[in-house]
Amino acid sequence: MDDLGANNRNVTTDSGRTNFFQDVPTAALERTLYLESDRMGYLANYISQQMPERERGVVQNEKRQGENQPYGRVRDEISAKMYP
């Protein structure tokens, strides 16, 4: 993707989804979508048990970092009270 001018790659995670994104020039959109669909179509062949475990550790670490911030657990508490 770098040769197409992709930048600003990142991932966000919420309680119900994970969002992967990257910025690409408009002229590279069609090629980018093709490459991403191709990558996802063959992704299952390359996933090992260690990969999800490593990513789970990353997410757990980010969660801990957020919880250690002031008011970091407020959203969890509000959700638990609103939706018992």
N, C-alpha and C. Protein backbone atom coordinates (compact mmCIF):
# COMPACT_ATOMS: atom_id res chain seq x y z
N MET A 1 0.81 -1.19 0.00
CA MET A 1 0.00 0.00 0.00
C MET A 1 0.85 1.26 0.00
N ASP A 2 2.05 1.17 0.52
CA ASP A 2 2.90 2.35 0.56
C ASP A 2 3.16 2.91 -0.84
N ASP A 3 3.32 2.02 -1.81
CA ASP A 3 3.59 2.49 -3.17
C ASP A 3 2.38 3.20 -3.79
N LEU A 4 1.19 3.02 -3.18
CA LEU A 4 -0.01 3.72 -3.65
C LEU A 4 -0.21 5.05 -2.93
N GLY A 5 0.63 5.33 -1.94
CA GLY A 5 0.52 6.59 -1.21
C GLY A 5 -0.30 6.50 0.06
N ALA A 6 -0.52 5.28 0.56
CA ALA A 6 -1.31 5.11 1.78
C ALA A 6 -0.57 5.68 2.98
N ASN A 7 -1.32 6.29 3.87
CA ASN A 7 -0.75 6.78 5.12
C ASN A 7 -1.84 6.80 6.19
N ASN A 8 -1.50 7.25 7.37
CA ASN A 8 -2.45 7.36 8.47
C ASN A 8 -3.20 6.06 8.71
N ARG A 9 -2.48 4.97 8.81
CA ARG A 9 -3.11 3.68 9.12
C ARG A 9 -3.30 3.56 10.62
N ASN A 10 -4.47 3.09 11.03
CA ASN A 10 -4.73 2.93 12.44
C ASN A 10 -5.89 1.99 12.64
N VAL A 11 -6.14 1.66 13.90
CA VAL A 11 -7.23 0.77 14.29
C VAL A 11 -7.90 1.36 15.51
N THR A 12 -9.23 1.30 15.54
CA THR A 12 -9.96 1.67 16.74
C THR A 12 -10.83 0.48 17.13
N THR A 13 -11.04 0.33 18.41
CA THR A 13 -11.85 -0.78 18.91
C THR A 13 -12.90 -0.22 19.85
N ASP A 14 -14.11 -0.71 19.72
CA ASP A 14 -15.20 -0.34 20.60
C ASP A 14 -15.81 -1.64 21.12
N SER A 15 -16.85 -1.53 21.90
CA SER A 15 -17.41 -2.74 22.49
C SER A 15 -17.99 -3.70 21.46
N GLY A 16 -18.41 -3.18 20.29
CA GLY A 16 -19.02 -4.05 19.31
C GLY A 16 -18.33 -4.13 17.98
N ARG A 17 -17.17 -3.50 17.83
CA ARG A 17 -16.54 -3.50 16.51
C ARG A 17 -15.06 -3.16 16.61
N THR A 18 -14.35 -3.50 15.55
CA THR A 18 -12.98 -3.07 15.36
C THR A 18 -12.92 -2.40 13.99
N ASN A 19 -12.37 -1.21 13.93
CA ASN A 19 -12.35 -0.41 12.72
C ASN A 19 -10.90 -0.22 12.27
N PHE A 20 -10.57 -0.77 11.12
CA PHE A 20 -9.25 -0.59 10.53
C PHE A 20 -9.38 0.48 9.45
N PHE A 21 -8.47 1.44 9.42
CA PHE A 21 -8.56 2.44 8.38
C PHE A 21 -7.18 2.92 7.94
N GLN A 22 -7.17 3.47 6.74
CA GLN A 22 -5.97 4.08 6.18
C GLN A 22 -6.42 5.11 5.16
N ASP A 23 -5.65 6.14 5.01
CA ASP A 23 -5.93 7.18 4.02
C ASP A 23 -5.15 6.86 2.76
N VAL A 24 -5.84 6.92 1.63
CA VAL A 24 -5.19 6.72 0.34
C VAL A 24 -5.65 7.82 -0.62
N PRO A 25 -4.83 8.16 -1.60
CA PRO A 25 -5.26 9.15 -2.59
C PRO A 25 -6.48 8.64 -3.36
N THR A 26 -7.32 9.55 -3.77
CA THR A 26 -8.53 9.19 -4.52
C THR A 26 -8.22 8.32 -5.73
N ALA A 27 -7.15 8.64 -6.41
CA ALA A 27 -6.78 7.89 -7.61
C ALA A 27 -6.41 6.44 -7.30
N ALA A 28 -6.07 6.14 -6.07
CA ALA A 28 -5.66 4.79 -5.69
C ALA A 28 -6.78 4.00 -5.02
N LEU A 29 -7.97 4.56 -4.92
CA LEU A 29 -9.05 3.89 -4.19
C LEU A 29 -9.41 2.53 -4.77
N GLU A 30 -9.62 2.45 -6.07
CA GLU A 30 -10.02 1.18 -6.68
C GLU A 30 -8.96 0.10 -6.46
N ARG A 31 -7.70 0.44 -6.67
CA ARG A 31 -6.60 -0.52 -6.47
C ARG A 31 -6.50 -0.92 -5.00
N THR A 32 -6.69 0.03 -4.09
CA THR A 32 -6.64 -0.25 -2.67
C THR A 32 -7.74 -1.22 -2.26
N LEU A 33 -8.95 -0.99 -2.73
CA LEU A 33 -10.06 -1.89 -2.40
C LEU A 33 -9.80 -3.29 -2.94
N TYR A 34 -9.26 -3.38 -4.14
CA TYR A 34 -8.92 -4.68 -4.72
C TYR A 34 -7.88 -5.39 -3.86
N LEU A 35 -6.82 -4.69 -3.49
CA LEU A 35 -5.76 -5.31 -2.70
C LEU A 35 -6.26 -5.73 -1.31
N GLU A 36 -7.09 -4.91 -0.69
CA GLU A 36 -7.62 -5.25 0.62
C GLU A 36 -8.55 -6.45 0.55
N SER A 37 -9.40 -6.51 -0.46
CA SER A 37 -10.29 -7.67 -0.59
C SER A 37 -9.50 -8.94 -0.86
N ASP A 38 -8.47 -8.83 -1.66
CA ASP A 38 -7.61 -9.98 -1.93
C ASP A 38 -6.92 -10.44 -0.66
N ARG A 39 -6.39 -9.50 0.11
CA ARG A 39 -5.71 -9.82 1.37
C ARG A 39 -6.68 -10.50 2.34
N MET A 40 -7.88 -9.98 2.45
CA MET A 40 -8.85 -10.55 3.39
C MET A 40 -9.35 -11.92 2.93
N GLY A 41 -9.41 -12.12 1.62
CA GLY A 41 -9.88 -13.40 1.09
C GLY A 41 -8.96 -14.55 1.42
N TYR A 42 -7.68 -14.28 1.60
CA TYR A 42 -6.71 -15.33 1.89
C TYR A 42 -6.14 -15.22 3.29
N LEU A 43 -6.73 -14.37 4.11
CA LEU A 43 -6.20 -14.12 5.44
C LEU A 43 -6.28 -15.34 6.35
N ALA A 44 -7.34 -16.11 6.24
CA ALA A 44 -7.54 -17.26 7.13
C ALA A 44 -6.39 -18.26 7.05
N ASN A 45 -5.76 -18.37 5.91
CA ASN A 45 -4.66 -19.31 5.75
C ASN A 45 -3.42 -18.91 6.54
N TYR A 46 -3.34 -17.66 6.94
CA TYR A 46 -2.13 -17.14 7.59
C TYR A 46 -2.30 -16.85 9.07
N ILE A 47 -3.49 -17.05 9.60
CA ILE A 47 -3.73 -16.74 11.00
C ILE A 47 -3.36 -17.96 11.85
N SER A 48 -2.46 -17.74 12.79
CA SER A 48 -2.09 -18.81 13.72
C SER A 48 -2.73 -18.51 15.07
N GLN A 49 -2.70 -19.44 15.97
CA GLN A 49 -3.27 -19.23 17.31
C GLN A 49 -2.53 -18.13 18.06
N GLN A 50 -1.25 -17.95 17.78
CA GLN A 50 -0.47 -16.93 18.48
C GLN A 50 -0.89 -15.51 18.10
N MET A 51 -1.34 -15.33 16.87
CA MET A 51 -1.70 -13.99 16.42
C MET A 51 -2.86 -13.39 17.21
N PRO A 52 -4.00 -14.08 17.36
CA PRO A 52 -5.07 -13.51 18.18
C PRO A 52 -4.66 -13.32 19.64
N GLU A 53 -3.85 -14.21 20.16
CA GLU A 53 -3.39 -14.08 21.55
C GLU A 53 -2.55 -12.82 21.72
N ARG A 54 -1.68 -12.54 20.77
CA ARG A 54 -0.86 -11.34 20.83
C ARG A 54 -1.73 -10.09 20.77
N GLU A 55 -2.69 -10.08 19.86
CA GLU A 55 -3.57 -8.93 19.73
C GLU A 55 -4.46 -8.76 20.95
N ARG A 56 -4.88 -9.87 21.53
CA ARG A 56 -5.68 -9.81 22.76
C ARG A 56 -4.88 -9.12 23.86
N GLY A 57 -3.59 -9.43 23.93
CA GLY A 57 -2.72 -8.80 24.92
C GLY A 57 -2.60 -7.30 24.68
N VAL A 58 -2.52 -6.89 23.42
CA VAL A 58 -2.44 -5.46 23.08
C VAL A 58 -3.72 -4.75 23.53
N VAL A 59 -4.87 -5.35 23.23
CA VAL A 59 -6.15 -4.74 23.61
C VAL A 59 -6.29 -4.68 25.13
N GLN A 60 -5.89 -5.73 25.83
CA GLN A 60 -5.97 -5.72 27.29
C GLN A 60 -5.07 -4.63 27.88
N ASN A 61 -3.90 -4.43 27.31
CA ASN A 61 -3.00 -3.39 27.78
C ASN A 61 -3.61 -2.00 27.55
N GLU A 62 -4.19 -1.78 26.38
CA GLU A 62 -4.83 -0.50 26.11
C GLU A 62 -6.00 -0.26 27.06
N LYS A 63 -6.74 -1.32 27.36
CA LYS A 63 -7.87 -1.21 28.30
C LYS A 63 -7.36 -0.81 29.68
N ARG A 64 -6.29 -1.44 30.12
CA ARG A 64 -5.71 -1.09 31.43
C ARG A 64 -5.25 0.36 31.46
N GLN A 65 -4.62 0.80 30.38
CA GLN A 65 -4.16 2.18 30.32
C GLN A 65 -5.33 3.15 30.42
N GLY A 66 -6.42 2.84 29.75
CA GLY A 66 -7.61 3.69 29.82
C GLY A 66 -8.24 3.69 31.18
N GLU A 67 -8.27 2.53 31.83
CA GLU A 67 -8.88 2.43 33.16
C GLU A 67 -8.05 3.17 34.21
N ASN A 68 -6.77 3.33 33.97
CA ASN A 68 -5.91 4.01 34.93
C ASN A 68 -5.96 5.53 34.79
N GLN A 69 -6.69 6.03 33.80
CA GLN A 69 -6.86 7.47 33.63
C GLN A 69 -7.95 7.96 34.60
N PRO A 70 -7.92 9.25 34.95
CA PRO A 70 -9.01 9.78 35.77
C PRO A 70 -10.36 9.52 35.09
N TYR A 71 -11.28 9.02 35.85
CA TYR A 71 -12.63 8.68 35.36
C TYR A 71 -12.59 7.60 34.29
N GLY A 72 -11.55 6.82 34.25
CA GLY A 72 -11.39 5.81 33.22
C GLY A 72 -12.39 4.68 33.27
N ARG A 73 -13.03 4.48 34.41
CA ARG A 73 -14.01 3.38 34.52
C ARG A 73 -15.45 3.88 34.54
N VAL A 74 -15.64 5.16 34.34
CA VAL A 74 -16.98 5.73 34.41
C VAL A 74 -17.91 5.11 33.37
N ARG A 75 -17.46 4.99 32.15
CA ARG A 75 -18.33 4.44 31.09
C ARG A 75 -18.78 3.02 31.44
N ASP A 76 -17.88 2.19 31.96
CA ASP A 76 -18.25 0.83 32.36
C ASP A 76 -19.29 0.85 33.47
N GLU A 77 -19.10 1.73 34.43
CA GLU A 77 -20.05 1.83 35.55
C GLU A 77 -21.42 2.30 35.08
N ILE A 78 -21.43 3.31 34.23
CA ILE A 78 -22.70 3.81 33.71
C ILE A 78 -23.43 2.72 32.92
N SER A 79 -22.71 2.01 32.06
CA SER A 79 -23.32 0.93 31.29
C SER A 79 -23.88 -0.16 32.19
N ALA A 80 -23.13 -0.52 33.23
CA ALA A 80 -23.59 -1.57 34.15
C ALA A 80 -24.85 -1.14 34.89
N LYS A 81 -24.94 0.13 35.24
CA LYS A 81 -26.13 0.62 35.95
C LYS A 81 -27.33 0.77 35.02
N MET A 82 -27.08 1.19 33.79
CA MET A 82 -28.17 1.41 32.84
C MET A 82 -28.70 0.10 32.24
N TYR A 83 -27.81 -0.85 32.05
CA TYR A 83 -28.19 -2.11 31.41
C TYR A 83 -27.78 -3.28 32.30
N PRO A 84 -28.51 -3.49 33.39
CA PRO A 84 -28.10 -4.56 34.34
C PRO A 84 -28.24 -5.96 33.74
